[in-house]
Amino acid sequence: MKDILNKLIGHQLLSREESRQVMIRMATGSYNPSEMAAFLTVYMMRSVATGELEGFRDALLELCHAVDLSEFDPIDLCGTGGDGKNTFNISTLASFVCAGAGVPVAKHGNYGVSSACGSSNVLEFLGIRFSAEADFLKRCLDRAGICVLHAPLFHPAMKQVAPIRRELGVKTFFNMLGPMVNPAFPRLQMVGVFNLELARMYGYLYQNTDKTYSILHGLDGYDEISLTGPTKVFGNSLEAVLHPEDFGLQALEPAAIYGGESVEEAARIFLSVLQGRGTEAQQAVVCANAGMAISTATGCPAREGADRAREALASGRALAAFRELQTLSTDNP
């Protein structure tokens, strides 16, 4: 690690292969906590290069416990986090709305590191069971239209790094990697990222894959469609700026999508939205994100996707998908 740190301190870039090797050594316990913390700290002070991010991604996908869910052709809705906005669990709620609209979802997620409540925190609190068993995940997709891929179960090598990330409590390049390392290798993906530079980097990396994708960045700093301002979107053959009216919605104030300070508060908001008791702003932002995911998966216009999302939420089908997942979790302790 000393040679790697000296190279980075000297403002040099790592090659894709060097980055892959460093990540593998971190994941397999070859470095001590101080060395790993120093390595993470370097990337808090300078941007990760595209080749470096590719190498880190390659290593994590190589080491993960892969699961084949291709028969369902699910989409993943996953944000990087790290935007510092502390919104409620918008992409997780949007995932259940997509499932309710008939678009299968393989939701990759984790506990919050730089936010009050990550997707795994709120789902676990509400009784959702996490499993890496392929049969269980397929049963979830078949009956609920959605399964949850809790990252630590599929990336066990990351347990070496997890305590350091928790102690640091700020975003690191691992936030950038989360959406890239879904162990189901989904063909369809909607990704939210915390800055425009990373959105462009994702676009460059994804254009060299077989994915059908949308990469989102709220131009006022959000890693999702916030409706508080315009959103930059990169897709397979698309680069555009979307505004709230493109979804048939009104602009929102940031306070309207605040997520609270505890898992309990996040869970209360989560259930109220699914039950149709959320505020107009909460329901609107969920439907905008679900609508964009539906658009990505089906090719329909974003506004049509948002209309389908609103119908899935209003009809109770999104709530039914969630309740079915809760039932499956209870049936399979």
C-alpha atoms as a PDB file:
ATOM      1  CA  MET A   1       0.000   0.000   0.000  1.00  0.00           C
ATOM      2  CA  LYS A   2       2.883   2.383   0.710  1.00  0.00           C
ATOM      3  CA  ASP A   3       3.874   2.503  -2.976  1.00  0.00           C
ATOM      4  CA  ILE A   4       0.241   3.068  -4.005  1.00  0.00           C
ATOM      5  CA  LEU A   5      -0.197   5.901  -1.506  1.00  0.00           C
ATOM      6  CA  ASN A   6       3.046   7.565  -2.607  1.00  0.00           C
ATOM      7  CA  LYS A   7       1.878   7.379  -6.203  1.00  0.00           C
ATOM      8  CA  LEU A   8      -1.461   8.960  -5.349  1.00  0.00           C
ATOM      9  CA  ILE A   9       0.123  11.632  -3.146  1.00  0.00           C
ATOM     10  CA  GLY A  10       2.340  12.428  -6.129  1.00  0.00           C
ATOM     11  CA  HIS A  11      -0.822  13.232  -8.146  1.00  0.00           C
ATOM     12  CA  GLN A  12      -0.509  10.153 -10.343  1.00  0.00           C
ATOM     13  CA  LEU A  13      -3.432   8.017 -11.473  1.00  0.00           C
ATOM     14  CA  LEU A  14      -3.763   4.302 -10.965  1.00  0.00           C
ATOM     15  CA  SER A  15      -4.341   2.120 -13.987  1.00  0.00           C
ATOM     16  CA  ARG A  16      -7.536   0.089 -14.249  1.00  0.00           C
ATOM     17  CA  GLU A  17      -5.601  -3.072 -13.323  1.00  0.00           C
ATOM     18  CA  GLU A  18      -3.808  -1.403 -10.398  1.00  0.00           C
ATOM     19  CA  SER A  19      -7.164  -0.237  -9.081  1.00  0.00           C
ATOM     20  CA  ARG A  20      -8.616  -3.729  -9.427  1.00  0.00           C
ATOM     21  CA  GLN A  21      -5.706  -5.237  -7.523  1.00  0.00           C
ATOM     22  CA  VAL A  22      -5.893  -2.675  -4.711  1.00  0.00           C
ATOM     23  CA  MET A  23      -9.616  -3.320  -4.269  1.00  0.00           C
ATOM     24  CA  ILE A  24      -9.086  -7.083  -4.172  1.00  0.00           C
ATOM     25  CA  ARG A  25      -6.375  -6.675  -1.524  1.00  0.00           C
ATOM     26  CA  MET A  26      -8.585  -4.356   0.522  1.00  0.00           C
ATOM     27  CA  ALA A  27     -11.443  -6.819   0.317  1.00  0.00           C
ATOM     28  CA  THR A  28      -9.329  -9.824   1.282  1.00  0.00           C
ATOM     29  CA  GLY A  29      -7.762  -8.197   4.342  1.00  0.00           C
ATOM     30  CA  SER A  30      -4.266  -7.543   2.981  1.00  0.00           C
ATOM     31  CA  TYR A  31      -4.223  -3.964   4.309  1.00  0.00           C
ATOM     32  CA  ASN A  32      -4.658  -2.684   7.848  1.00  0.00           C
ATOM     33  CA  PRO A  33      -7.404  -0.182   8.764  1.00  0.00           C
ATOM     34  CA  SER A  34      -5.034   2.809   8.775  1.00  0.00           C
ATOM     35  CA  GLU A  35      -3.858   2.021   5.251  1.00  0.00           C
ATOM     36  CA  MET A  36      -7.407   1.639   3.988  1.00  0.00           C
ATOM     37  CA  ALA A  37      -8.537   4.855   5.679  1.00  0.00           C
ATOM     38  CA  ALA A  38      -5.614   6.715   4.094  1.00  0.00           C
ATOM     39  CA  PHE A  39      -6.522   5.299   0.690  1.00  0.00           C
ATOM     40  CA  LEU A  40     -10.169   6.368   1.038  1.00  0.00           C
ATOM     41  CA  THR A  41      -9.088   9.808   2.234  1.00  0.00           C
ATOM     42  CA  VAL A  42      -7.074  10.479  -0.923  1.00  0.00           C
ATOM     43  CA  TYR A  43     -10.263  10.184  -2.959  1.00  0.00           C
ATOM     44  CA  MET A  44     -12.070  12.631  -0.721  1.00  0.00           C
ATOM     45  CA  MET A  45      -9.589  15.253  -1.870  1.00  0.00           C
ATOM     46  CA  ARG A  46      -9.452  14.451  -5.558  1.00  0.00           C
ATOM     47  CA  SER A  47     -11.779  12.928  -8.139  1.00  0.00           C
ATOM     48  CA  VAL A  48     -11.681   9.260  -9.050  1.00  0.00           C
ATOM     49  CA  ALA A  49     -10.510   8.786 -12.643  1.00  0.00           C
ATOM     50  CA  THR A  50     -12.643   6.725 -15.018  1.00  0.00           C
ATOM     51  CA  GLY A  51     -10.063   3.939 -15.235  1.00  0.00           C
ATOM     52  CA  GLU A  52      -9.782   3.789 -11.462  1.00  0.00           C
ATOM     53  CA  LEU A  53     -13.542   3.506 -11.044  1.00  0.00           C
ATOM     54  CA  GLU A  54     -13.620   0.771 -13.679  1.00  0.00           C
ATOM     55  CA  GLY A  55     -10.953  -1.167 -11.816  1.00  0.00           C
ATOM     56  CA  PHE A  56     -12.742  -0.868  -8.475  1.00  0.00           C
ATOM     57  CA  ARG A  57     -15.983  -2.002 -10.143  1.00  0.00           C
ATOM     58  CA  ASP A  58     -14.288  -4.940 -11.869  1.00  0.00           C
ATOM     59  CA  ALA A  59     -12.911  -6.199  -8.551  1.00  0.00           C
ATOM     60  CA  LEU A  60     -16.221  -6.011  -6.706  1.00  0.00           C
ATOM     61  CA  LEU A  61     -18.103  -7.782  -9.496  1.00  0.00           C
ATOM     62  CA  GLU A  62     -15.387 -10.439  -9.624  1.00  0.00           C
ATOM     63  CA  LEU A  63     -15.668 -11.042  -5.868  1.00  0.00           C
ATOM     64  CA  CYS A  64     -19.454 -10.847  -5.488  1.00  0.00           C
ATOM     65  CA  HIS A  65     -21.919 -13.702  -5.019  1.00  0.00           C
ATOM     66  CA  ALA A  66     -23.752 -13.389  -8.346  1.00  0.00           C
ATOM     67  CA  VAL A  67     -27.429 -14.326  -8.664  1.00  0.00           C
ATOM     68  CA  ASP A  68     -29.166 -14.990 -11.977  1.00  0.00           C
ATOM     69  CA  LEU A  69     -32.550 -13.261 -12.165  1.00  0.00           C
ATOM     70  CA  SER A  70     -32.462 -12.731 -15.928  1.00  0.00           C
ATOM     71  CA  GLU A  71     -35.708 -14.658 -16.511  1.00  0.00           C
ATOM     72  CA  PHE A  72     -37.530 -11.684 -14.922  1.00  0.00           C
ATOM     73  CA  ASP A  73     -35.470  -9.009 -16.732  1.00  0.00           C
ATOM     74  CA  PRO A  74     -35.726  -6.691 -13.696  1.00  0.00           C
ATOM     75  CA  ILE A  75     -34.670  -3.077 -13.429  1.00  0.00           C
ATOM     76  CA  ASP A  76     -32.613  -1.689 -10.547  1.00  0.00           C
ATOM     77  CA  LEU A  77     -33.348   1.752  -9.103  1.00  0.00           C
ATOM     78  CA  CYS A  78     -30.313   2.709  -7.104  1.00  0.00           C
ATOM     79  CA  GLY A  79     -28.736   6.012  -6.135  1.00  0.00           C
ATOM     80  CA  THR A  80     -25.190   6.657  -5.065  1.00  0.00           C
ATOM     81  CA  GLY A  81     -26.255   8.551  -1.965  1.00  0.00           C
ATOM     82  CA  GLY A  82     -23.783  11.085  -0.712  1.00  0.00           C
ATOM     83  CA  ASP A  83     -25.704  14.145  -1.878  1.00  0.00           C
ATOM     84  CA  GLY A  84     -26.113  15.400   1.699  1.00  0.00           C
ATOM     85  CA  LYS A  85     -29.788  16.235   1.121  1.00  0.00           C
ATOM     86  CA  ASN A  86     -31.314  13.717   3.561  1.00  0.00           C
ATOM     87  CA  THR A  87     -34.439  13.102   1.515  1.00  0.00           C
ATOM     88  CA  PHE A  88     -36.849  10.323   2.439  1.00  0.00           C
ATOM     89  CA  ASN A  89     -36.346   6.926   0.757  1.00  0.00           C
ATOM     90  CA  ILE A  90     -37.511   8.019  -2.670  1.00  0.00           C
ATOM     91  CA  SER A  91     -35.847   5.410  -4.904  1.00  0.00           C
ATOM     92  CA  THR A  92     -36.903   2.559  -2.590  1.00  0.00           C
ATOM     93  CA  LEU A  93     -40.515   3.730  -2.654  1.00  0.00           C
ATOM     94  CA  ALA A  94     -40.289   4.212  -6.418  1.00  0.00           C
ATOM     95  CA  SER A  95     -39.153   0.594  -6.676  1.00  0.00           C
ATOM     96  CA  PHE A  96     -42.405  -0.647  -5.114  1.00  0.00           C
ATOM     97  CA  VAL A  97     -44.397   1.668  -7.358  1.00  0.00           C
ATOM     98  CA  CYS A  98     -42.628   0.176 -10.391  1.00  0.00           C
ATOM     99  CA  ALA A  99     -43.444  -3.316  -9.144  1.00  0.00           C
ATOM    100  CA  GLY A 100     -47.059  -2.248  -8.725  1.00  0.00           C
ATOM    101  CA  ALA A 101     -47.025  -0.975 -12.302  1.00  0.00           C
ATOM    102  CA  GLY A 102     -45.880  -4.359 -13.578  1.00  0.00           C
ATOM    103  CA  VAL A 103     -42.174  -3.576 -14.020  1.00  0.00           C
ATOM    104  CA  PRO A 104     -40.069  -6.159 -12.093  1.00  0.00           C
ATOM    105  CA  VAL A 105     -37.398  -4.709  -9.798  1.00  0.00           C
ATOM    106  CA  ALA A 106     -34.181  -6.147  -8.317  1.00  0.00           C
ATOM    107  CA  LYS A 107     -33.450  -3.432  -5.749  1.00  0.00           C
ATOM    108  CA  HIS A 108     -29.807  -3.229  -4.715  1.00  0.00           C
ATOM    109  CA  GLY A 109     -29.294  -1.356  -1.451  1.00  0.00           C
ATOM    110  CA  ASN A 110     -27.418  -1.015   1.799  1.00  0.00           C
ATOM    111  CA  TYR A 111     -27.528   0.595   5.208  1.00  0.00           C
ATOM    112  CA  GLY A 112     -27.031   4.351   5.279  1.00  0.00           C
ATOM    113  CA  VAL A 113     -23.447   5.533   5.726  1.00  0.00           C
ATOM    114  CA  SER A 114     -23.581   9.232   4.925  1.00  0.00           C
ATOM    115  CA  SER A 115     -27.364   9.572   5.390  1.00  0.00           C
ATOM    116  CA  ALA A 116     -29.747   9.067   8.300  1.00  0.00           C
ATOM    117  CA  CYS A 117     -31.518   6.067   6.777  1.00  0.00           C
ATOM    118  CA  GLY A 118     -30.495   3.930   3.807  1.00  0.00           C
ATOM    119  CA  SER A 119     -32.870   1.631   1.940  1.00  0.00           C
ATOM    120  CA  SER A 120     -31.831  -1.410   3.979  1.00  0.00           C
ATOM    121  CA  ASN A 121     -32.430   0.429   7.252  1.00  0.00           C
ATOM    122  CA  VAL A 122     -36.035   1.269   6.463  1.00  0.00           C
ATOM    123  CA  LEU A 123     -36.878  -2.089   4.863  1.00  0.00           C
ATOM    124  CA  GLU A 124     -35.373  -4.066   7.727  1.00  0.00           C
ATOM    125  CA  PHE A 125     -37.285  -1.910  10.234  1.00  0.00           C
ATOM    126  CA  LEU A 126     -40.507  -2.728   8.357  1.00  0.00           C
ATOM    127  CA  GLY A 127     -39.921  -6.467   8.461  1.00  0.00           C
ATOM    128  CA  ILE A 128     -38.394  -7.219   5.073  1.00  0.00           C
ATOM    129  CA  ARG A 129     -36.102 -10.231   5.179  1.00  0.00           C
ATOM    130  CA  PHE A 130     -32.738 -10.023   3.432  1.00  0.00           C
ATOM    131  CA  SER A 131     -31.549 -13.179   1.704  1.00  0.00           C
ATOM    132  CA  ALA A 132     -29.012 -14.254  -0.899  1.00  0.00           C
ATOM    133  CA  GLU A 133     -30.945 -17.437  -1.709  1.00  0.00           C
ATOM    134  CA  ALA A 134     -31.799 -17.454  -5.411  1.00  0.00           C
ATOM    135  CA  ASP A 135     -35.037 -19.424  -4.934  1.00  0.00           C
ATOM    136  CA  PHE A 136     -36.316 -16.934  -2.365  1.00  0.00           C
ATOM    137  CA  LEU A 137     -35.417 -13.945  -4.551  1.00  0.00           C
ATOM    138  CA  LYS A 138     -37.148 -15.490  -7.554  1.00  0.00           C
ATOM    139  CA  ARG A 139     -40.222 -16.205  -5.437  1.00  0.00           C
ATOM    140  CA  CYS A 140     -40.265 -12.547  -4.399  1.00  0.00           C
ATOM    141  CA  LEU A 141     -40.082 -11.410  -8.006  1.00  0.00           C
ATOM    142  CA  ASP A 142     -42.751 -13.894  -9.068  1.00  0.00           C
ATOM    143  CA  ARG A 143     -45.241 -12.976  -6.328  1.00  0.00           C
ATOM    144  CA  ALA A 144     -44.404  -9.379  -5.398  1.00  0.00           C
ATOM    145  CA  GLY A 145     -42.693  -8.162  -8.561  1.00  0.00           C
ATOM    146  CA  ILE A 146     -39.681  -7.045  -6.541  1.00  0.00           C
ATOM    147  CA  CYS A 147     -36.781  -8.517  -4.604  1.00  0.00           C
ATOM    148  CA  VAL A 148     -34.239  -6.824  -2.352  1.00  0.00           C
ATOM    149  CA  LEU A 149     -30.518  -7.418  -2.828  1.00  0.00           C
ATOM    150  CA  HIS A 150     -28.924  -6.329   0.458  1.00  0.00           C
ATOM    151  CA  ALA A 151     -25.376  -5.486  -0.557  1.00  0.00           C
ATOM    152  CA  PRO A 152     -23.460  -7.014   2.404  1.00  0.00           C
ATOM    153  CA  LEU A 153     -24.916 -10.469   1.639  1.00  0.00           C
ATOM    154  CA  PHE A 154     -23.596 -10.368  -1.915  1.00  0.00           C
ATOM    155  CA  HIS A 155     -20.355  -8.496  -1.291  1.00  0.00           C
ATOM    156  CA  PRO A 156     -19.017 -10.223   1.841  1.00  0.00           C
ATOM    157  CA  ALA A 157     -15.489  -9.087   1.056  1.00  0.00           C
ATOM    158  CA  MET A 158     -16.583  -5.536   1.843  1.00  0.00           C
ATOM    159  CA  LYS A 159     -16.884  -6.341   5.543  1.00  0.00           C
ATOM    160  CA  GLN A 160     -13.212  -5.321   5.767  1.00  0.00           C
ATOM    161  CA  VAL A 161     -14.081  -1.801   4.661  1.00  0.00           C
ATOM    162  CA  ALA A 162     -17.518  -1.360   6.248  1.00  0.00           C
ATOM    163  CA  PRO A 163     -16.299  -0.394   9.751  1.00  0.00           C
ATOM    164  CA  ILE A 164     -13.979   2.253   8.304  1.00  0.00           C
ATOM    165  CA  ARG A 165     -16.788   3.719   6.202  1.00  0.00           C
ATOM    166  CA  ARG A 166     -19.047   3.859   9.255  1.00  0.00           C
ATOM    167  CA  GLU A 167     -16.368   5.551  11.369  1.00  0.00           C
ATOM    168  CA  LEU A 168     -15.617   8.118   8.671  1.00  0.00           C
ATOM    169  CA  GLY A 169     -19.340   8.803   8.204  1.00  0.00           C
ATOM    170  CA  VAL A 170     -18.872  10.729   4.956  1.00  0.00           C
ATOM    171  CA  LYS A 171     -19.243   9.758   1.330  1.00  0.00           C
ATOM    172  CA  THR A 172     -16.349   7.865  -0.235  1.00  0.00           C
ATOM    173  CA  PHE A 173     -15.812   6.369  -3.669  1.00  0.00           C
ATOM    174  CA  PHE A 174     -17.813   3.353  -2.453  1.00  0.00           C
ATOM    175  CA  ASN A 175     -20.908   5.530  -2.834  1.00  0.00           C
ATOM    176  CA  MET A 176     -19.993   5.821  -6.504  1.00  0.00           C
ATOM    177  CA  LEU A 177     -19.684   2.060  -6.856  1.00  0.00           C
ATOM    178  CA  GLY A 178     -22.948   0.917  -5.251  1.00  0.00           C
ATOM    179  CA  PRO A 179     -25.196   1.130  -8.321  1.00  0.00           C
ATOM    180  CA  MET A 180     -22.518  -0.437 -10.550  1.00  0.00           C
ATOM    181  CA  VAL A 181     -22.174  -3.667  -8.610  1.00  0.00           C
ATOM    182  CA  ASN A 182     -25.697  -5.120  -8.465  1.00  0.00           C
ATOM    183  CA  PRO A 183     -24.993  -8.877  -8.154  1.00  0.00           C
ATOM    184  CA  ALA A 184     -27.876  -9.743 -10.483  1.00  0.00           C
ATOM    185  CA  PHE A 185     -26.131  -7.868 -13.318  1.00  0.00           C
ATOM    186  CA  PRO A 186     -29.470  -6.369 -14.457  1.00  0.00           C
ATOM    187  CA  ARG A 187     -29.834  -5.332 -18.081  1.00  0.00           C
ATOM    188  CA  LEU A 188     -32.076  -2.427 -17.069  1.00  0.00           C
ATOM    189  CA  GLN A 189     -30.959   0.263 -14.666  1.00  0.00           C
ATOM    190  CA  MET A 190     -31.847   3.741 -13.463  1.00  0.00           C
ATOM    191  CA  VAL A 191     -29.041   5.351 -11.489  1.00  0.00           C
ATOM    192  CA  GLY A 192     -29.025   8.586  -9.517  1.00  0.00           C
ATOM    193  CA  VAL A 193     -25.651  10.224  -8.862  1.00  0.00           C
ATOM    194  CA  PHE A 194     -24.550  13.083  -6.619  1.00  0.00           C
ATOM    195  CA  ASN A 195     -22.708  15.287  -9.125  1.00  0.00           C
ATOM    196  CA  LEU A 196     -22.601  16.006 -12.828  1.00  0.00           C
ATOM    197  CA  GLU A 197     -19.008  14.823 -13.252  1.00  0.00           C
ATOM    198  CA  LEU A 198     -19.969  11.388 -11.964  1.00  0.00           C
ATOM    199  CA  ALA A 199     -23.070  11.343 -14.170  1.00  0.00           C
ATOM    200  CA  ARG A 200     -20.867  11.834 -17.214  1.00  0.00           C
ATOM    201  CA  MET A 201     -18.456   9.155 -15.980  1.00  0.00           C
ATOM    202  CA  TYR A 202     -21.298   6.687 -15.511  1.00  0.00           C
ATOM    203  CA  GLY A 203     -22.552   7.538 -18.976  1.00  0.00           C
ATOM    204  CA  TYR A 204     -19.144   6.792 -20.449  1.00  0.00           C
ATOM    205  CA  LEU A 205     -18.844   3.470 -18.612  1.00  0.00           C
ATOM    206  CA  TYR A 206     -22.401   2.339 -19.312  1.00  0.00           C
ATOM    207  CA  GLN A 207     -22.263   3.102 -23.014  1.00  0.00           C
ATOM    208  CA  ASN A 208     -19.706   0.293 -23.291  1.00  0.00           C
ATOM    209  CA  THR A 209     -22.150  -2.263 -21.848  1.00  0.00           C
ATOM    210  CA  ASP A 210     -25.347  -3.936 -23.060  1.00  0.00           C
ATOM    211  CA  LYS A 211     -27.441  -2.096 -20.467  1.00  0.00           C
ATOM    212  CA  THR A 212     -30.526  -0.030 -21.142  1.00  0.00           C
ATOM    213  CA  TYR A 213     -30.062   2.795 -18.666  1.00  0.00           C
ATOM    214  CA  SER A 214     -30.911   6.250 -17.433  1.00  0.00           C
ATOM    215  CA  ILE A 215     -28.436   8.196 -15.301  1.00  0.00           C
ATOM    216  CA  LEU A 216     -29.885  11.084 -13.313  1.00  0.00           C
ATOM    217  CA  HIS A 217     -28.486  14.087 -11.519  1.00  0.00           C
ATOM    218  CA  GLY A 218     -30.588  16.866 -10.029  1.00  0.00           C
ATOM    219  CA  LEU A 219     -28.788  20.029 -11.093  1.00  0.00           C
ATOM    220  CA  ASP A 220     -29.340  21.533  -7.644  1.00  0.00           C
ATOM    221  CA  GLY A 221     -27.367  18.679  -6.100  1.00  0.00           C
ATOM    222  CA  TYR A 222     -29.685  15.678  -5.710  1.00  0.00           C
ATOM    223  CA  ASP A 223     -28.890  12.079  -6.672  1.00  0.00           C
ATOM    224  CA  GLU A 224     -32.448  11.599  -7.963  1.00  0.00           C
ATOM    225  CA  ILE A 225     -35.287  13.512  -9.561  1.00  0.00           C
ATOM    226  CA  SER A 226     -36.172  15.895  -6.748  1.00  0.00           C
ATOM    227  CA  LEU A 227     -38.638  18.153  -8.598  1.00  0.00           C
ATOM    228  CA  THR A 228     -36.913  21.051  -6.828  1.00  0.00           C
ATOM    229  CA  GLY A 229     -35.247  21.991 -10.113  1.00  0.00           C
ATOM    230  CA  PRO A 230     -34.164  20.534 -13.456  1.00  0.00           C
ATOM    231  CA  THR A 231     -32.631  17.056 -13.756  1.00  0.00           C
ATOM    232  CA  LYS A 232     -29.880  16.094 -16.167  1.00  0.00           C
ATOM    233  CA  VAL A 233     -30.488  12.701 -17.799  1.00  0.00           C
ATOM    234  CA  PHE A 234     -28.070  10.551 -19.752  1.00  0.00           C
ATOM    235  CA  GLY A 235     -29.407   7.469 -21.565  1.00  0.00           C
ATOM    236  CA  ASN A 236     -28.388   5.079 -24.314  1.00  0.00           C
ATOM    237  CA  SER A 237     -29.118   7.616 -27.032  1.00  0.00           C
ATOM    238  CA  LEU A 238     -30.284  10.495 -24.881  1.00  0.00           C
ATOM    239  CA  GLU A 239     -28.850  13.515 -23.158  1.00  0.00           C
ATOM    240  CA  ALA A 240     -31.496  15.891 -21.908  1.00  0.00           C
ATOM    241  CA  VAL A 241     -32.641  18.169 -19.110  1.00  0.00           C
ATOM    242  CA  LEU A 242     -36.017  17.287 -17.630  1.00  0.00           C
ATOM    243  CA  HIS A 243     -38.213  19.713 -15.700  1.00  0.00           C
ATOM    244  CA  PRO A 244     -41.089  18.952 -13.300  1.00  0.00           C
ATOM    245  CA  GLU A 245     -43.642  19.830 -15.983  1.00  0.00           C
ATOM    246  CA  ASP A 246     -42.222  17.062 -18.200  1.00  0.00           C
ATOM    247  CA  PHE A 247     -43.815  14.659 -15.704  1.00  0.00           C
ATOM    248  CA  GLY A 248     -46.995  16.712 -15.455  1.00  0.00           C
ATOM    249  CA  LEU A 249     -45.930  17.907 -12.005  1.00  0.00           C
ATOM    250  CA  GLN A 250     -45.213  21.159 -10.170  1.00  0.00           C
ATOM    251  CA  ALA A 251     -41.851  22.266  -8.791  1.00  0.00           C
ATOM    252  CA  LEU A 252     -41.250  21.540  -5.090  1.00  0.00           C
ATOM    253  CA  GLU A 253     -39.433  23.185  -2.226  1.00  0.00           C
ATOM    254  CA  PRO A 254     -36.572  21.130  -0.703  1.00  0.00           C
ATOM    255  CA  ALA A 255     -38.273  21.010   2.693  1.00  0.00           C
ATOM    256  CA  ALA A 256     -41.176  19.085   1.131  1.00  0.00           C
ATOM    257  CA  ILE A 257     -39.031  15.989   0.515  1.00  0.00           C
ATOM    258  CA  TYR A 258     -37.032  15.993   3.742  1.00  0.00           C
ATOM    259  CA  GLY A 259     -36.589  12.524   5.225  1.00  0.00           C
ATOM    260  CA  GLY A 260     -36.342  13.113   8.953  1.00  0.00           C
ATOM    261  CA  GLU A 261     -33.613  12.221  11.425  1.00  0.00           C
ATOM    262  CA  SER A 262     -34.347   8.613  12.373  1.00  0.00           C
ATOM    263  CA  VAL A 263     -35.199   5.237  10.907  1.00  0.00           C
ATOM    264  CA  GLU A 264     -38.558   5.378  12.710  1.00  0.00           C
ATOM    265  CA  GLU A 265     -39.458   8.660  11.038  1.00  0.00           C
ATOM    266  CA  ALA A 266     -38.284   7.380   7.649  1.00  0.00           C
ATOM    267  CA  ALA A 267     -40.433   4.259   8.069  1.00  0.00           C
ATOM    268  CA  ARG A 268     -43.470   6.359   8.963  1.00  0.00           C
ATOM    269  CA  ILE A 269     -43.060   8.431   5.794  1.00  0.00           C
ATOM    270  CA  PHE A 270     -42.457   5.275   3.754  1.00  0.00           C
ATOM    271  CA  LEU A 271     -45.690   3.610   4.852  1.00  0.00           C
ATOM    272  CA  SER A 272     -47.761   6.769   4.614  1.00  0.00           C
ATOM    273  CA  VAL A 273     -46.746   7.252   0.972  1.00  0.00           C
ATOM    274  CA  LEU A 274     -47.520   3.626   0.051  1.00  0.00           C
ATOM    275  CA  GLN A 275     -50.859   3.861   1.847  1.00  0.00           C
ATOM    276  CA  GLY A 276     -51.821   6.977  -0.120  1.00  0.00           C
ATOM    277  CA  ARG A 277     -51.529   9.211   2.939  1.00  0.00           C
ATOM    278  CA  GLY A 278     -48.291  10.929   1.968  1.00  0.00           C
ATOM    279  CA  THR A 279     -48.216  14.604   1.133  1.00  0.00           C
ATOM    280  CA  GLU A 280     -48.849  15.667  -2.435  1.00  0.00           C
ATOM    281  CA  ALA A 281     -45.151  16.544  -2.752  1.00  0.00           C
ATOM    282  CA  GLN A 282     -44.004  13.154  -1.427  1.00  0.00           C
ATOM    283  CA  GLN A 283     -46.232  11.261  -3.809  1.00  0.00           C
ATOM    284  CA  ALA A 284     -45.236  13.471  -6.731  1.00  0.00           C
ATOM    285  CA  VAL A 285     -41.487  12.949  -6.310  1.00  0.00           C
ATOM    286  CA  VAL A 286     -41.907   9.192  -5.911  1.00  0.00           C
ATOM    287  CA  CYS A 287     -44.029   8.998  -9.051  1.00  0.00           C
ATOM    288  CA  ALA A 288     -41.556  11.101 -11.041  1.00  0.00           C
ATOM    289  CA  ASN A 289     -38.722   8.710 -10.192  1.00  0.00           C
ATOM    290  CA  ALA A 290     -40.847   5.613 -10.714  1.00  0.00           C
ATOM    291  CA  GLY A 291     -42.078   7.111 -13.969  1.00  0.00           C
ATOM    292  CA  MET A 292     -38.536   7.587 -15.226  1.00  0.00           C
ATOM    293  CA  ALA A 293     -37.730   3.981 -14.321  1.00  0.00           C
ATOM    294  CA  ILE A 294     -40.842   2.744 -16.126  1.00  0.00           C
ATOM    295  CA  SER A 295     -39.818   4.853 -19.115  1.00  0.00           C
ATOM    296  CA  THR A 296     -36.334   3.328 -19.024  1.00  0.00           C
ATOM    297  CA  ALA A 297     -37.668  -0.230 -18.855  1.00  0.00           C
ATOM    298  CA  THR A 298     -40.461   0.065 -21.412  1.00  0.00           C
ATOM    299  CA  GLY A 299     -39.418   2.890 -23.728  1.00  0.00           C
ATOM    300  CA  CYS A 300     -42.553   4.947 -23.043  1.00  0.00           C
ATOM    301  CA  PRO A 301     -42.292   8.750 -22.613  1.00  0.00           C
ATOM    302  CA  ALA A 302     -41.406   9.960 -19.128  1.00  0.00           C
ATOM    303  CA  ARG A 303     -44.814  11.582 -18.636  1.00  0.00           C
ATOM    304  CA  GLU A 304     -46.609   8.363 -19.544  1.00  0.00           C
ATOM    305  CA  GLY A 305     -44.365   6.528 -17.096  1.00  0.00           C
ATOM    306  CA  ALA A 306     -45.299   8.996 -14.366  1.00  0.00           C
ATOM    307  CA  ASP A 307     -49.003   8.509 -15.161  1.00  0.00           C
ATOM    308  CA  ARG A 308     -48.572   4.732 -14.842  1.00  0.00           C
ATOM    309  CA  ALA A 309     -46.745   5.264 -11.560  1.00  0.00           C
ATOM    310  CA  ARG A 310     -49.516   7.461 -10.170  1.00  0.00           C
ATOM    311  CA  GLU A 311     -52.103   4.829 -11.071  1.00  0.00           C
ATOM    312  CA  ALA A 312     -50.064   2.037  -9.424  1.00  0.00           C
ATOM    313  CA  LEU A 313     -49.791   4.090  -6.227  1.00  0.00           C
ATOM    314  CA  ALA A 314     -53.402   5.299  -6.173  1.00  0.00           C
ATOM    315  CA  SER A 315     -54.815   1.828  -6.900  1.00  0.00           C
ATOM    316  CA  GLY A 316     -52.956   0.257  -3.991  1.00  0.00           C
ATOM    317  CA  ARG A 317     -50.916  -2.080  -6.197  1.00  0.00           C
ATOM    318  CA  ALA A 318     -47.628  -0.580  -4.952  1.00  0.00           C
ATOM    319  CA  LEU A 319     -48.730  -1.198  -1.349  1.00  0.00           C
ATOM    320  CA  ALA A 320     -49.812  -4.728  -2.303  1.00  0.00           C
ATOM    321  CA  ALA A 321     -46.322  -5.448  -3.656  1.00  0.00           C
ATOM    322  CA  PHE A 322     -44.827  -4.298  -0.366  1.00  0.00           C
ATOM    323  CA  ARG A 323     -47.283  -6.311   1.739  1.00  0.00           C
ATOM    324  CA  GLU A 324     -46.545  -9.412  -0.331  1.00  0.00           C
ATOM    325  CA  LEU A 325     -42.829  -8.962   0.281  1.00  0.00           C
ATOM    326  CA  GLN A 326     -43.540  -8.650   4.005  1.00  0.00           C
ATOM    327  CA  THR A 327     -45.561 -11.873   3.872  1.00  0.00           C
ATOM    328  CA  LEU A 328     -42.813 -13.716   2.044  1.00  0.00           C
ATOM    329  CA  SER A 329     -40.352 -12.489   4.647  1.00  0.00           C
ATOM    330  CA  THR A 330     -42.530 -13.892   7.429  1.00  0.00           C
ATOM    331  CA  ASP A 331     -43.100 -17.190   5.637  1.00  0.00           C
ATOM    332  CA  ASN A 332     -39.351 -17.691   5.190  1.00  0.00           C
ATOM    333  CA  PRO A 333     -37.676 -16.885   8.514  1.00  0.00           C
END
